[in-house]
Amino acid sequence: MKTTPIILIVDDDPDLLDMYQEVIVLEGVKTITALSPKLALECCKNNPGIQVIISDAHMGDVSGMDLLKSLKDYYETIPVFYLLTGAFDINEAEIIKNGARGLILKPFDLNEILERIKKDIKF
């Protein structure tokens, strides 16, 4: 039996979180949202089945890169991790070296991200 993928979306903008969640849920994917990296870590601890994490790069005092580094301490194998950014101050090679799958530049097409996720976790 095929399991429903679980995606954690992390962004400090509640309106964007709602929009991302609405589109992804339409694809038959369970989503969990977090408004901060700290809440995201709690979500990971409480939902061990998370397969994909999509995180904003800039969220106040703690960045998406900080979240990625914290996840490395928590997970033996990090779920598929994508970092969203509109800035060019982040190096894709660096985030991949730290365990991320890739960098997604804003503005982006959510359907393209979904296709990428489908390919990466094969659902």
PDB file of N, CA and C in Angstrom:
ATOM      1  N   MET A   1       0.843  -1.183   0.000  1.00  0.00           N
ATOM      2  CA  MET A   1       0.000   0.000   0.000  1.00  0.00           C
ATOM      3  C   MET A   1       0.888   1.246   0.000  1.00  0.00           C
ATOM      4  N   LYS A   2       0.576   2.173  -0.852  1.00  0.00           N
ATOM      5  CA  LYS A   2       1.342   3.412  -0.981  1.00  0.00           C
ATOM      6  C   LYS A   2       0.956   4.378   0.138  1.00  0.00           C
ATOM      7  N   THR A   3       1.961   4.952   0.794  1.00  0.00           N
ATOM      8  CA  THR A   3       1.675   5.905   1.866  1.00  0.00           C
ATOM      9  C   THR A   3       1.601   7.318   1.310  1.00  0.00           C
ATOM     10  N   THR A   4       0.821   8.146   1.968  1.00  0.00           N
ATOM     11  CA  THR A   4       0.699   9.545   1.573  1.00  0.00           C
ATOM     12  C   THR A   4       1.924  10.306   2.048  1.00  0.00           C
ATOM     13  N   PRO A   5       2.608  11.004   1.130  1.00  0.00           N
ATOM     14  CA  PRO A   5       3.782  11.777   1.546  1.00  0.00           C
ATOM     15  C   PRO A   5       3.388  12.885   2.532  1.00  0.00           C
ATOM     16  N   ILE A   6       4.319  13.202   3.424  1.00  0.00           N
ATOM     17  CA  ILE A   6       4.113  14.306   4.367  1.00  0.00           C
ATOM     18  C   ILE A   6       5.175  15.366   4.074  1.00  0.00           C
ATOM     19  N   ILE A   7       4.699  16.592   3.851  1.00  0.00           N
ATOM     20  CA  ILE A   7       5.587  17.713   3.566  1.00  0.00           C
ATOM     21  C   ILE A   7       5.440  18.758   4.665  1.00  0.00           C
ATOM     22  N   LEU A   8       6.566  19.198   5.199  1.00  0.00           N
ATOM     23  CA  LEU A   8       6.597  20.293   6.171  1.00  0.00           C
ATOM     24  C   LEU A   8       6.997  21.560   5.428  1.00  0.00           C
ATOM     25  N   ILE A   9       6.187  22.597   5.567  1.00  0.00           N
ATOM     26  CA  ILE A   9       6.469  23.886   4.938  1.00  0.00           C
ATOM     27  C   ILE A   9       6.764  24.885   6.051  1.00  0.00           C
ATOM     28  N   VAL A  10       7.899  25.583   5.931  1.00  0.00           N
ATOM     29  CA  VAL A  10       8.334  26.514   6.969  1.00  0.00           C
ATOM     30  C   VAL A  10       8.484  27.905   6.356  1.00  0.00           C
ATOM     31  N   ASP A  11       7.726  28.844   6.879  1.00  0.00           N
ATOM     32  CA  ASP A  11       7.807  30.226   6.403  1.00  0.00           C
ATOM     33  C   ASP A  11       7.228  31.115   7.486  1.00  0.00           C
ATOM     34  N   ASP A  12       7.821  32.281   7.683  1.00  0.00           N
ATOM     35  CA  ASP A  12       7.310  33.178   8.723  1.00  0.00           C
ATOM     36  C   ASP A  12       6.168  34.057   8.224  1.00  0.00           C
ATOM     37  N   ASP A  13       5.743  33.881   6.981  1.00  0.00           N
ATOM     38  CA  ASP A  13       4.611  34.619   6.424  1.00  0.00           C
ATOM     39  C   ASP A  13       3.395  33.690   6.381  1.00  0.00           C
ATOM     40  N   PRO A  14       2.404  33.908   7.281  1.00  0.00           N
ATOM     41  CA  PRO A  14       1.255  33.001   7.343  1.00  0.00           C
ATOM     42  C   PRO A  14       0.448  32.947   6.042  1.00  0.00           C
ATOM     43  N   ASP A  15       0.386  34.050   5.313  1.00  0.00           N
ATOM     44  CA  ASP A  15      -0.362  34.045   4.056  1.00  0.00           C
ATOM     45  C   ASP A  15       0.297  33.136   3.023  1.00  0.00           C
ATOM     46  N   LEU A  16       1.621  33.195   2.943  1.00  0.00           N
ATOM     47  CA  LEU A  16       2.339  32.307   2.018  1.00  0.00           C
ATOM     48  C   LEU A  16       2.185  30.849   2.442  1.00  0.00           C
ATOM     49  N   LEU A  17       2.271  30.594   3.735  1.00  0.00           N
ATOM     50  CA  LEU A  17       2.087  29.227   4.227  1.00  0.00           C
ATOM     51  C   LEU A  17       0.735  28.678   3.799  1.00  0.00           C
ATOM     52  N   ASP A  18      -0.311  29.475   3.969  1.00  0.00           N
ATOM     53  CA  ASP A  18      -1.656  29.048   3.579  1.00  0.00           C
ATOM     54  C   ASP A  18      -1.727  28.756   2.086  1.00  0.00           C
ATOM     55  N   MET A  19      -1.134  29.627   1.274  1.00  0.00           N
ATOM     56  CA  MET A  19      -1.162  29.442  -0.171  1.00  0.00           C
ATOM     57  C   MET A  19      -0.429  28.164  -0.564  1.00  0.00           C
ATOM     58  N   TYR A  20       0.782  27.961  -0.026  1.00  0.00           N
ATOM     59  CA  TYR A  20       1.547  26.752  -0.340  1.00  0.00           C
ATOM     60  C   TYR A  20       0.749  25.509   0.044  1.00  0.00           C
ATOM     61  N   GLN A  21       0.193  25.550   1.244  1.00  0.00           N
ATOM     62  CA  GLN A  21      -0.534  24.398   1.754  1.00  0.00           C
ATOM     63  C   GLN A  21      -1.748  24.077   0.884  1.00  0.00           C
ATOM     64  N   GLU A  22      -2.501  25.087   0.491  1.00  0.00           N
ATOM     65  CA  GLU A  22      -3.689  24.861  -0.339  1.00  0.00           C
ATOM     66  C   GLU A  22      -3.333  24.173  -1.648  1.00  0.00           C
ATOM     67  N   VAL A  23      -2.277  24.606  -2.293  1.00  0.00           N
ATOM     68  CA  VAL A  23      -1.888  24.020  -3.573  1.00  0.00           C
ATOM     69  C   VAL A  23      -1.375  22.597  -3.388  1.00  0.00           C
ATOM     70  N   ILE A  24      -0.562  22.373  -2.388  1.00  0.00           N
ATOM     71  CA  ILE A  24       0.042  21.052  -2.190  1.00  0.00           C
ATOM     72  C   ILE A  24      -0.998  20.027  -1.748  1.00  0.00           C
ATOM     73  N   VAL A  25      -1.936  20.418  -0.903  1.00  0.00           N
ATOM     74  CA  VAL A  25      -2.975  19.499  -0.442  1.00  0.00           C
ATOM     75  C   VAL A  25      -3.816  19.011  -1.623  1.00  0.00           C
ATOM     76  N   LEU A  26      -4.024  19.851  -2.613  1.00  0.00           N
ATOM     77  CA  LEU A  26      -4.785  19.449  -3.799  1.00  0.00           C
ATOM     78  C   LEU A  26      -4.134  18.281  -4.531  1.00  0.00           C
ATOM     79  N   GLU A  27      -2.850  18.093  -4.323  1.00  0.00           N
ATOM     80  CA  GLU A  27      -2.121  16.988  -4.963  1.00  0.00           C
ATOM     81  C   GLU A  27      -2.216  15.696  -4.145  1.00  0.00           C
ATOM     82  N   GLY A  28      -3.002  15.702  -3.079  1.00  0.00           N
ATOM     83  CA  GLY A  28      -3.153  14.511  -2.261  1.00  0.00           C
ATOM     84  C   GLY A  28      -2.003  14.283  -1.301  1.00  0.00           C
ATOM     85  N   VAL A  29      -1.340  15.361  -0.926  1.00  0.00           N
ATOM     86  CA  VAL A  29      -0.195  15.282  -0.035  1.00  0.00           C
ATOM     87  C   VAL A  29      -0.576  15.888   1.310  1.00  0.00           C
ATOM     88  N   LYS A  30      -0.201  15.226   2.379  1.00  0.00           N
ATOM     89  CA  LYS A  30      -0.429  15.774   3.720  1.00  0.00           C
ATOM     90  C   LYS A  30       0.612  16.853   3.971  1.00  0.00           C
ATOM     91  N   THR A  31       0.170  17.999   4.454  1.00  0.00           N
ATOM     92  CA  THR A  31       1.106  19.077   4.761  1.00  0.00           C
ATOM     93  C   THR A  31       1.020  19.459   6.229  1.00  0.00           C
ATOM     94  N   ILE A  32       2.156  19.853   6.739  1.00  0.00           N
ATOM     95  CA  ILE A  32       2.268  20.412   8.086  1.00  0.00           C
ATOM     96  C   ILE A  32       2.972  21.748   7.887  1.00  0.00           C
ATOM     97  N   THR A  33       2.558  22.756   8.627  1.00  0.00           N
ATOM     98  CA  THR A  33       3.197  24.061   8.472  1.00  0.00           C
ATOM     99  C   THR A  33       3.792  24.527   9.794  1.00  0.00           C
ATOM    100  N   ALA A  34       4.824  25.358   9.661  1.00  0.00           N
ATOM    101  CA  ALA A  34       5.466  25.952  10.832  1.00  0.00           C
ATOM    102  C   ALA A  34       5.857  27.381  10.488  1.00  0.00           C
ATOM    103  N   LEU A  35       5.605  28.293  11.419  1.00  0.00           N
ATOM    104  CA  LEU A  35       5.903  29.708  11.211  1.00  0.00           C
ATOM    105  C   LEU A  35       7.329  30.102  11.603  1.00  0.00           C
ATOM    106  N   SER A  36       8.116  29.135  12.063  1.00  0.00           N
ATOM    107  CA  SER A  36       9.497  29.439  12.455  1.00  0.00           C
ATOM    108  C   SER A  36      10.323  28.161  12.416  1.00  0.00           C
ATOM    109  N   PRO A  37      11.643  28.296  12.324  1.00  0.00           N
ATOM    110  CA  PRO A  37      12.496  27.111  12.395  1.00  0.00           C
ATOM    111  C   PRO A  37      12.339  26.344  13.715  1.00  0.00           C
ATOM    112  N   LYS A  38      12.157  27.062  14.801  1.00  0.00           N
ATOM    113  CA  LYS A  38      11.968  26.402  16.097  1.00  0.00           C
ATOM    114  C   LYS A  38      10.726  25.510  16.080  1.00  0.00           C
ATOM    115  N   LEU A  39       9.620  26.054  15.550  1.00  0.00           N
ATOM    116  CA  LEU A  39       8.394  25.252  15.445  1.00  0.00           C
ATOM    117  C   LEU A  39       8.586  24.101  14.458  1.00  0.00           C
ATOM    118  N   ALA A  40       9.375  24.322  13.428  1.00  0.00           N
ATOM    119  CA  ALA A  40       9.644  23.273  12.449  1.00  0.00           C
ATOM    120  C   ALA A  40      10.345  22.087  13.103  1.00  0.00           C
ATOM    121  N   LEU A  41      11.313  22.372  13.976  1.00  0.00           N
ATOM    122  CA  LEU A  41      12.001  21.284  14.676  1.00  0.00           C
ATOM    123  C   LEU A  41      11.038  20.499  15.564  1.00  0.00           C
ATOM    124  N   GLU A  42      10.121  21.201  16.214  1.00  0.00           N
ATOM    125  CA  GLU A  42       9.103  20.525  17.023  1.00  0.00           C
ATOM    126  C   GLU A  42       8.220  19.641  16.142  1.00  0.00           C
ATOM    127  N   CYS A  43       7.841  20.159  14.978  1.00  0.00           N
ATOM    128  CA  CYS A  43       7.040  19.371  14.035  1.00  0.00           C
ATOM    129  C   CYS A  43       7.782  18.101  13.624  1.00  0.00           C
ATOM    130  N   CYS A  44       9.080  18.216  13.391  1.00  0.00           N
ATOM    131  CA  CYS A  44       9.878  17.056  12.995  1.00  0.00           C
ATOM    132  C   CYS A  44       9.918  16.015  14.118  1.00  0.00           C
ATOM    133  N   LYS A  45      10.057  16.470  15.337  1.00  0.00           N
ATOM    134  CA  LYS A  45      10.094  15.549  16.465  1.00  0.00           C
ATOM    135  C   LYS A  45       8.758  14.846  16.653  1.00  0.00           C
ATOM    136  N   ASN A  46       7.651  15.563  16.389  1.00  0.00           N
ATOM    137  CA  ASN A  46       6.316  15.015  16.598  1.00  0.00           C
ATOM    138  C   ASN A  46       5.760  14.279  15.383  1.00  0.00           C
ATOM    139  N   ASN A  47       6.427  14.378  14.234  1.00  0.00           N
ATOM    140  CA  ASN A  47       5.950  13.752  12.997  1.00  0.00           C
ATOM    141  C   ASN A  47       7.134  13.085  12.293  1.00  0.00           C
ATOM    142  N   PRO A  48       7.543  11.924  12.765  1.00  0.00           N
ATOM    143  CA  PRO A  48       8.733  11.286  12.207  1.00  0.00           C
ATOM    144  C   PRO A  48       8.594  10.862  10.743  1.00  0.00           C
ATOM    145  N   GLY A  49       7.394  10.893  10.199  1.00  0.00           N
ATOM    146  CA  GLY A  49       7.184  10.480   8.812  1.00  0.00           C
ATOM    147  C   GLY A  49       7.370  11.582   7.782  1.00  0.00           C
ATOM    148  N   ILE A  50       7.815  12.756   8.198  1.00  0.00           N
ATOM    149  CA  ILE A  50       8.021  13.854   7.245  1.00  0.00           C
ATOM    150  C   ILE A  50       9.056  13.427   6.209  1.00  0.00           C
ATOM    151  N   GLN A  51       8.679  13.565   4.934  1.00  0.00           N
ATOM    152  CA  GLN A  51       9.568  13.163   3.841  1.00  0.00           C
ATOM    153  C   GLN A  51      10.233  14.347   3.153  1.00  0.00           C
ATOM    154  N   VAL A  52       9.569  15.510   3.192  1.00  0.00           N
ATOM    155  CA  VAL A  52      10.076  16.691   2.490  1.00  0.00           C
ATOM    156  C   VAL A  52       9.898  17.904   3.388  1.00  0.00           C
ATOM    157  N   ILE A  53      10.900  18.778   3.386  1.00  0.00           N
ATOM    158  CA  ILE A  53      10.816  20.057   4.088  1.00  0.00           C
ATOM    159  C   ILE A  53      11.115  21.157   3.078  1.00  0.00           C
ATOM    160  N   ILE A  54      10.202  22.117   2.999  1.00  0.00           N
ATOM    161  CA  ILE A  54      10.393  23.292   2.149  1.00  0.00           C
ATOM    162  C   ILE A  54      10.483  24.469   3.098  1.00  0.00           C
ATOM    163  N   SER A  55      11.607  25.163   3.097  1.00  0.00           N
ATOM    164  CA  SER A  55      11.818  26.236   4.066  1.00  0.00           C
ATOM    165  C   SER A  55      12.203  27.540   3.384  1.00  0.00           C
ATOM    166  N   ASP A  56      11.638  28.611   3.896  1.00  0.00           N
ATOM    167  CA  ASP A  56      12.067  29.937   3.479  1.00  0.00           C
ATOM    168  C   ASP A  56      13.505  30.121   3.976  1.00  0.00           C
ATOM    169  N   ALA A  57      14.272  30.899   3.254  1.00  0.00           N
ATOM    170  CA  ALA A  57      15.668  31.117   3.628  1.00  0.00           C
ATOM    171  C   ALA A  57      15.818  32.144   4.748  1.00  0.00           C
ATOM    172  N   HIS A  58      14.993  33.187   4.728  1.00  0.00           N
ATOM    173  CA  HIS A  58      15.143  34.293   5.682  1.00  0.00           C
ATOM    174  C   HIS A  58      13.900  34.406   6.555  1.00  0.00           C
ATOM    175  N   MET A  59      14.082  34.122   7.857  1.00  0.00           N
ATOM    176  CA  MET A  59      12.955  34.162   8.798  1.00  0.00           C
ATOM    177  C   MET A  59      13.397  34.789  10.109  1.00  0.00           C
ATOM    178  N   GLY A  60      13.618  36.066  10.111  1.00  0.00           N
ATOM    179  CA  GLY A  60      14.010  36.742  11.343  1.00  0.00           C
ATOM    180  C   GLY A  60      15.404  36.348  11.786  1.00  0.00           C
ATOM    181  N   ASP A  61      15.540  35.995  13.071  1.00  0.00           N
ATOM    182  CA  ASP A  61      16.852  35.701  13.657  1.00  0.00           C
ATOM    183  C   ASP A  61      17.438  34.361  13.222  1.00  0.00           C
ATOM    184  N   VAL A  62      16.576  33.428  12.821  1.00  0.00           N
ATOM    185  CA  VAL A  62      17.041  32.092  12.452  1.00  0.00           C
ATOM    186  C   VAL A  62      16.718  31.863  10.980  1.00  0.00           C
ATOM    187  N   SER A  63      17.711  31.445  10.231  1.00  0.00           N
ATOM    188  CA  SER A  63      17.524  31.274   8.789  1.00  0.00           C
ATOM    189  C   SER A  63      17.162  29.831   8.436  1.00  0.00           C
ATOM    190  N   GLY A  64      16.793  29.639   7.195  1.00  0.00           N
ATOM    191  CA  GLY A  64      16.565  28.298   6.688  1.00  0.00           C
ATOM    192  C   GLY A  64      17.839  27.461   6.748  1.00  0.00           C
ATOM    193  N   MET A  65      18.997  28.089   6.547  1.00  0.00           N
ATOM    194  CA  MET A  65      20.274  27.376   6.670  1.00  0.00           C
ATOM    195  C   MET A  65      20.500  26.917   8.108  1.00  0.00           C
ATOM    196  N   ASP A  66      20.126  27.770   9.071  1.00  0.00           N
ATOM    197  CA  ASP A  66      20.233  27.374  10.481  1.00  0.00           C
ATOM    198  C   ASP A  66      19.341  26.165  10.754  1.00  0.00           C
ATOM    199  N   LEU A  67      18.139  26.185  10.186  1.00  0.00           N
ATOM    200  CA  LEU A  67      17.227  25.049  10.342  1.00  0.00           C
ATOM    201  C   LEU A  67      17.861  23.794   9.752  1.00  0.00           C
ATOM    202  N   LEU A  68      18.425  23.904   8.571  1.00  0.00           N
ATOM    203  CA  LEU A  68      19.063  22.755   7.935  1.00  0.00           C
ATOM    204  C   LEU A  68      20.175  22.189   8.823  1.00  0.00           C
ATOM    205  N   LYS A  69      20.980  23.059   9.389  1.00  0.00           N
ATOM    206  CA  LYS A  69      22.069  22.606  10.272  1.00  0.00           C
ATOM    207  C   LYS A  69      21.513  21.930  11.527  1.00  0.00           C
ATOM    208  N   SER A  70      20.421  22.450  12.066  1.00  0.00           N
ATOM    209  CA  SER A  70      19.788  21.827  13.241  1.00  0.00           C
ATOM    210  C   SER A  70      19.217  20.457  12.883  1.00  0.00           C
ATOM    211  N   LEU A  71      18.664  20.334  11.688  1.00  0.00           N
ATOM    212  CA  LEU A  71      18.117  19.054  11.248  1.00  0.00           C
ATOM    213  C   LEU A  71      19.209  17.996  11.144  1.00  0.00           C
ATOM    214  N   LYS A  72      20.402  18.417  10.761  1.00  0.00           N
ATOM    215  CA  LYS A  72      21.520  17.470  10.659  1.00  0.00           C
ATOM    216  C   LYS A  72      21.830  16.868  12.020  1.00  0.00           C
ATOM    217  N   ASP A  73      21.613  17.634  13.084  1.00  0.00           N
ATOM    218  CA  ASP A  73      21.851  17.129  14.435  1.00  0.00           C
ATOM    219  C   ASP A  73      20.742  16.172  14.874  1.00  0.00           C
ATOM    220  N   TYR A  74      19.556  16.343  14.315  1.00  0.00           N
ATOM    221  CA  TYR A  74      18.393  15.571  14.739  1.00  0.00           C
ATOM    222  C   TYR A  74      18.202  14.287  13.929  1.00  0.00           C
ATOM    223  N   TYR A  75      18.372  14.377  12.614  1.00  0.00           N
ATOM    224  CA  TYR A  75      18.125  13.249  11.728  1.00  0.00           C
ATOM    225  C   TYR A  75      19.420  12.548  11.342  1.00  0.00           C
ATOM    226  N   GLU A  76      19.354  11.228  11.248  1.00  0.00           N
ATOM    227  CA  GLU A  76      20.476  10.484  10.686  1.00  0.00           C
ATOM    228  C   GLU A  76      20.539  10.766   9.180  1.00  0.00           C
ATOM    229  N   THR A  77      19.374  10.720   8.542  1.00  0.00           N
ATOM    230  CA  THR A  77      19.254  11.084   7.133  1.00  0.00           C
ATOM    231  C   THR A  77      18.190  12.173   7.042  1.00  0.00           C
ATOM    232  N   ILE A  78      18.567  13.355   6.613  1.00  0.00           N
ATOM    233  CA  ILE A  78      17.639  14.492   6.534  1.00  0.00           C
ATOM    234  C   ILE A  78      16.588  14.223   5.458  1.00  0.00           C
ATOM    235  N   PRO A  79      15.314  14.535   5.746  1.00  0.00           N
ATOM    236  CA  PRO A  79      14.316  14.441   4.674  1.00  0.00           C
ATOM    237  C   PRO A  79      14.728  15.347   3.510  1.00  0.00           C
ATOM    238  N   VAL A  80      14.149  15.116   2.358  1.00  0.00           N
ATOM    239  CA  VAL A  80      14.426  15.972   1.202  1.00  0.00           C
ATOM    240  C   VAL A  80      14.165  17.411   1.618  1.00  0.00           C
ATOM    241  N   PHE A  81      15.137  18.292   1.465  1.00  0.00           N
ATOM    242  CA  PHE A  81      15.057  19.669   1.963  1.00  0.00           C
ATOM    243  C   PHE A  81      15.290  20.638   0.817  1.00  0.00           C
ATOM    244  N   TYR A  82      14.370  21.572   0.654  1.00  0.00           N
ATOM    245  CA  TYR A  82      14.504  22.637  -0.346  1.00  0.00           C
ATOM    246  C   TYR A  82      14.517  23.976   0.377  1.00  0.00           C
ATOM    247  N   LEU A  83      15.356  24.865  -0.074  1.00  0.00           N
ATOM    248  CA  LEU A  83      15.442  26.201   0.499  1.00  0.00           C
ATOM    249  C   LEU A  83      14.918  27.201  -0.517  1.00  0.00           C
ATOM    250  N   LEU A  84      13.947  28.019  -0.088  1.00  0.00           N
ATOM    251  CA  LEU A  84      13.350  29.039  -0.946  1.00  0.00           C
ATOM    252  C   LEU A  84      13.984  30.389  -0.667  1.00  0.00           C
ATOM    253  N   THR A  85      14.369  31.092  -1.710  1.00  0.00           N
ATOM    254  CA  THR A  85      14.953  32.413  -1.496  1.00  0.00           C
ATOM    255  C   THR A  85      14.723  33.320  -2.696  1.00  0.00           C
ATOM    256  N   GLY A  86      14.692  34.595  -2.431  1.00  0.00           N
ATOM    257  CA  GLY A  86      14.631  35.594  -3.487  1.00  0.00           C
ATOM    258  C   GLY A  86      15.954  36.326  -3.587  1.00  0.00           C
ATOM    259  N   ALA A  87      16.867  35.987  -2.685  1.00  0.00           N
ATOM    260  CA  ALA A  87      18.172  36.655  -2.643  1.00  0.00           C
ATOM    261  C   ALA A  87      19.225  35.796  -3.334  1.00  0.00           C
ATOM    262  N   PHE A  88      20.284  36.428  -3.737  1.00  0.00           N
ATOM    263  CA  PHE A  88      21.365  35.702  -4.386  1.00  0.00           C
ATOM    264  C   PHE A  88      22.580  35.571  -3.471  1.00  0.00           C
ATOM    265  N   ASP A  89      22.374  35.760  -2.169  1.00  0.00           N
ATOM    266  CA  ASP A  89      23.477  35.670  -1.222  1.00  0.00           C
ATOM    267  C   ASP A  89      23.666  34.252  -0.690  1.00  0.00           C
ATOM    268  N   ILE A  90      22.896  33.310  -1.223  1.00  0.00           N
ATOM    269  CA  ILE A  90      22.976  31.933  -0.777  1.00  0.00           C
ATOM    270  C   ILE A  90      23.551  31.095  -1.915  1.00  0.00           C
ATOM    271  N   ASN A  91      24.520  30.276  -1.578  1.00  0.00           N
ATOM    272  CA  ASN A  91      25.203  29.451  -2.552  1.00  0.00           C
ATOM    273  C   ASN A  91      24.577  28.056  -2.563  1.00  0.00           C
ATOM    274  N   GLU A  92      24.083  27.614  -3.735  1.00  0.00           N
ATOM    275  CA  GLU A  92      23.429  26.308  -3.818  1.00  0.00           C
ATOM    276  C   GLU A  92      24.389  25.170  -3.451  1.00  0.00           C
ATOM    277  N   ALA A  93      25.635  25.273  -3.856  1.00  0.00           N
ATOM    278  CA  ALA A  93      26.610  24.229  -3.525  1.00  0.00           C
ATOM    279  C   ALA A  93      26.749  24.075  -2.008  1.00  0.00           C
ATOM    280  N   GLU A  94      26.716  25.188  -1.289  1.00  0.00           N
ATOM    281  CA  GLU A  94      26.847  25.146   0.173  1.00  0.00           C
ATOM    282  C   GLU A  94      25.646  24.460   0.816  1.00  0.00           C
ATOM    283  N   ILE A  95      24.440  24.790   0.340  1.00  0.00           N
ATOM    284  CA  ILE A  95      23.273  24.154   0.969  1.00  0.00           C
ATOM    285  C   ILE A  95      23.218  22.665   0.631  1.00  0.00           C
ATOM    286  N   ILE A  96      23.651  22.295  -0.563  1.00  0.00           N
ATOM    287  CA  ILE A  96      23.681  20.876  -0.921  1.00  0.00           C
ATOM    288  C   ILE A  96      24.721  20.148  -0.068  1.00  0.00           C
ATOM    289  N   LYS A  97      25.860  20.782   0.150  1.00  0.00           N
ATOM    290  CA  LYS A  97      26.903  20.197   1.010  1.00  0.00           C
ATOM    291  C   LYS A  97      26.361  19.961   2.424  1.00  0.00           C
ATOM    292  N   ASN A  98      25.430  20.802   2.859  1.00  0.00           N
ATOM    293  CA  ASN A  98      24.851  20.672   4.196  1.00  0.00           C
ATOM    294  C   ASN A  98      23.644  19.744   4.241  1.00  0.00           C
ATOM    295  N   GLY A  99      23.302  19.118   3.118  1.00  0.00           N
ATOM    296  CA  GLY A  99      22.244  18.116   3.144  1.00  0.00           C
ATOM    297  C   GLY A  99      20.963  18.477   2.423  1.00  0.00           C
ATOM    298  N   ALA A 100      20.891  19.663   1.849  1.00  0.00           N
ATOM    299  CA  ALA A 100      19.678  20.063   1.134  1.00  0.00           C
ATOM    300  C   ALA A 100      19.661  19.461  -0.268  1.00  0.00           C
ATOM    301  N   ARG A 101      18.495  19.380  -0.848  1.00  0.00           N
ATOM    302  CA  ARG A 101      18.357  18.868  -2.202  1.00  0.00           C
ATOM    303  C   ARG A 101      18.585  19.970  -3.225  1.00  0.00           C
ATOM    304  N   GLY A 102      18.203  21.200  -2.856  1.00  0.00           N
ATOM    305  CA  GLY A 102      18.421  22.273  -3.810  1.00  0.00           C
ATOM    306  C   GLY A 102      17.856  23.598  -3.348  1.00  0.00           C
ATOM    307  N   LEU A 103      18.144  24.586  -4.139  1.00  0.00           N
ATOM    308  CA  LEU A 103      17.720  25.963  -3.902  1.00  0.00           C
ATOM    309  C   LEU A 103      16.622  26.288  -4.903  1.00  0.00           C
ATOM    310  N   ILE A 104      15.562  26.893  -4.427  1.00  0.00           N
ATOM    311  CA  ILE A 104      14.462  27.292  -5.303  1.00  0.00           C
ATOM    312  C   ILE A 104      14.344  28.803  -5.205  1.00  0.00           C
ATOM    313  N   LEU A 105      14.507  29.474  -6.335  1.00  0.00           N
ATOM    314  CA  LEU A 105      14.476  30.932  -6.348  1.00  0.00           C
ATOM    315  C   LEU A 105      13.054  31.451  -6.474  1.00  0.00           C
ATOM    316  N   LYS A 106      12.745  32.475  -5.672  1.00  0.00           N
ATOM    317  CA  LYS A 106      11.451  33.160  -5.758  1.00  0.00           C
ATOM    318  C   LYS A 106      11.554  34.227  -6.837  1.00  0.00           C
ATOM    319  N   PRO A 107      10.507  34.527  -7.543  1.00  0.00           N
ATOM    320  CA  PRO A 107       9.208  33.842  -7.533  1.00  0.00           C
ATOM    321  C   PRO A 107       9.340  32.489  -8.225  1.00  0.00           C
ATOM    322  N   PHE A 108       8.496  31.568  -7.827  1.00  0.00           N
ATOM    323  CA  PHE A 108       8.555  30.220  -8.374  1.00  0.00           C
ATOM    324  C   PHE A 108       7.150  29.737  -8.675  1.00  0.00           C
ATOM    325  N   ASP A 109       7.076  28.649  -9.410  1.00  0.00           N
ATOM    326  CA  ASP A 109       5.813  28.022  -9.776  1.00  0.00           C
ATOM    327  C   ASP A 109       5.642  26.808  -8.863  1.00  0.00           C
ATOM    328  N   LEU A 110       4.602  26.816  -8.036  1.00  0.00           N
ATOM    329  CA  LEU A 110       4.385  25.712  -7.101  1.00  0.00           C
ATOM    330  C   LEU A 110       4.225  24.382  -7.827  1.00  0.00           C
ATOM    331  N   ASN A 111       3.648  24.396  -9.012  1.00  0.00           N
ATOM    332  CA  ASN A 111       3.493  23.146  -9.751  1.00  0.00           C
ATOM    333  C   ASN A 111       4.847  22.566 -10.148  1.00  0.00           C
ATOM    334  N   GLU A 112       5.798  23.431 -10.482  1.00  0.00           N
ATOM    335  CA  GLU A 112       7.149  22.951 -10.798  1.00  0.00           C
ATOM    336  C   GLU A 112       7.794  22.334  -9.567  1.00  0.00           C
ATOM    337  N   ILE A 113       7.589  22.961  -8.412  1.00  0.00           N
ATOM    338  CA  ILE A 113       8.138  22.416  -7.171  1.00  0.00           C
ATOM    339  C   ILE A 113       7.506  21.052  -6.885  1.00  0.00           C
ATOM    340  N   LEU A 114       6.203  20.938  -7.095  1.00  0.00           N
ATOM    341  CA  LEU A 114       5.530  19.659  -6.866  1.00  0.00           C
ATOM    342  C   LEU A 114       6.087  18.567  -7.778  1.00  0.00           C
ATOM    343  N   GLU A 115       6.327  18.910  -9.021  1.00  0.00           N
ATOM    344  CA  GLU A 115       6.905  17.928  -9.946  1.00  0.00           C
ATOM    345  C   GLU A 115       8.293  17.497  -9.478  1.00  0.00           C
ATOM    346  N   ARG A 116       9.060  18.438  -9.010  1.00  0.00           N
ATOM    347  CA  ARG A 116      10.401  18.136  -8.503  1.00  0.00           C
ATOM    348  C   ARG A 116      10.318  17.224  -7.286  1.00  0.00           C
ATOM    349  N   ILE A 117       9.379  17.520  -6.372  1.00  0.00           N
ATOM    350  CA  ILE A 117       9.190  16.709  -5.180  1.00  0.00           C
ATOM    351  C   ILE A 117       8.746  15.308  -5.573  1.00  0.00           C
ATOM    352  N   LYS A 118       7.799  15.218  -6.493  1.00  0.00           N
ATOM    353  CA  LYS A 118       7.316  13.904  -6.940  1.00  0.00           C
ATOM    354  C   LYS A 118       8.456  13.061  -7.474  1.00  0.00           C
ATOM    355  N   LYS A 119       9.346  13.689  -8.208  1.00  0.00           N
ATOM    356  CA  LYS A 119      10.493  12.971  -8.764  1.00  0.00           C
ATOM    357  C   LYS A 119      11.459  12.547  -7.661  1.00  0.00           C
ATOM    358  N   ASP A 120      11.697  13.435  -6.691  1.00  0.00           N
ATOM    359  CA  ASP A 120      12.659  13.148  -5.632  1.00  0.00           C
ATOM    360  C   ASP A 120      12.195  12.102  -4.640  1.00  0.00           C
ATOM    361  N   ILE A 121      10.881  12.059  -4.341  1.00  0.00           N
ATOM    362  CA  ILE A 121      10.420  11.055  -3.379  1.00  0.00           C
ATOM    363  C   ILE A 121       9.564   9.980  -4.042  1.00  0.00           C
ATOM    364  N   LYS A 122       9.414  10.068  -5.335  1.00  0.00           N
ATOM    365  CA  LYS A 122       8.748   9.041  -6.136  1.00  0.00           C
ATOM    366  C   LYS A 122       7.353   8.699  -5.620  1.00  0.00           C
ATOM    367  N   PHE A 123       6.477   9.705  -5.606  1.00  0.00           N
ATOM    368  CA  PHE A 123       5.079   9.406  -5.254  1.00  0.00           C
ATOM    369  C   PHE A 123       4.171   9.702  -6.416  1.00  0.00           C
TER     370      PHE A 123
END
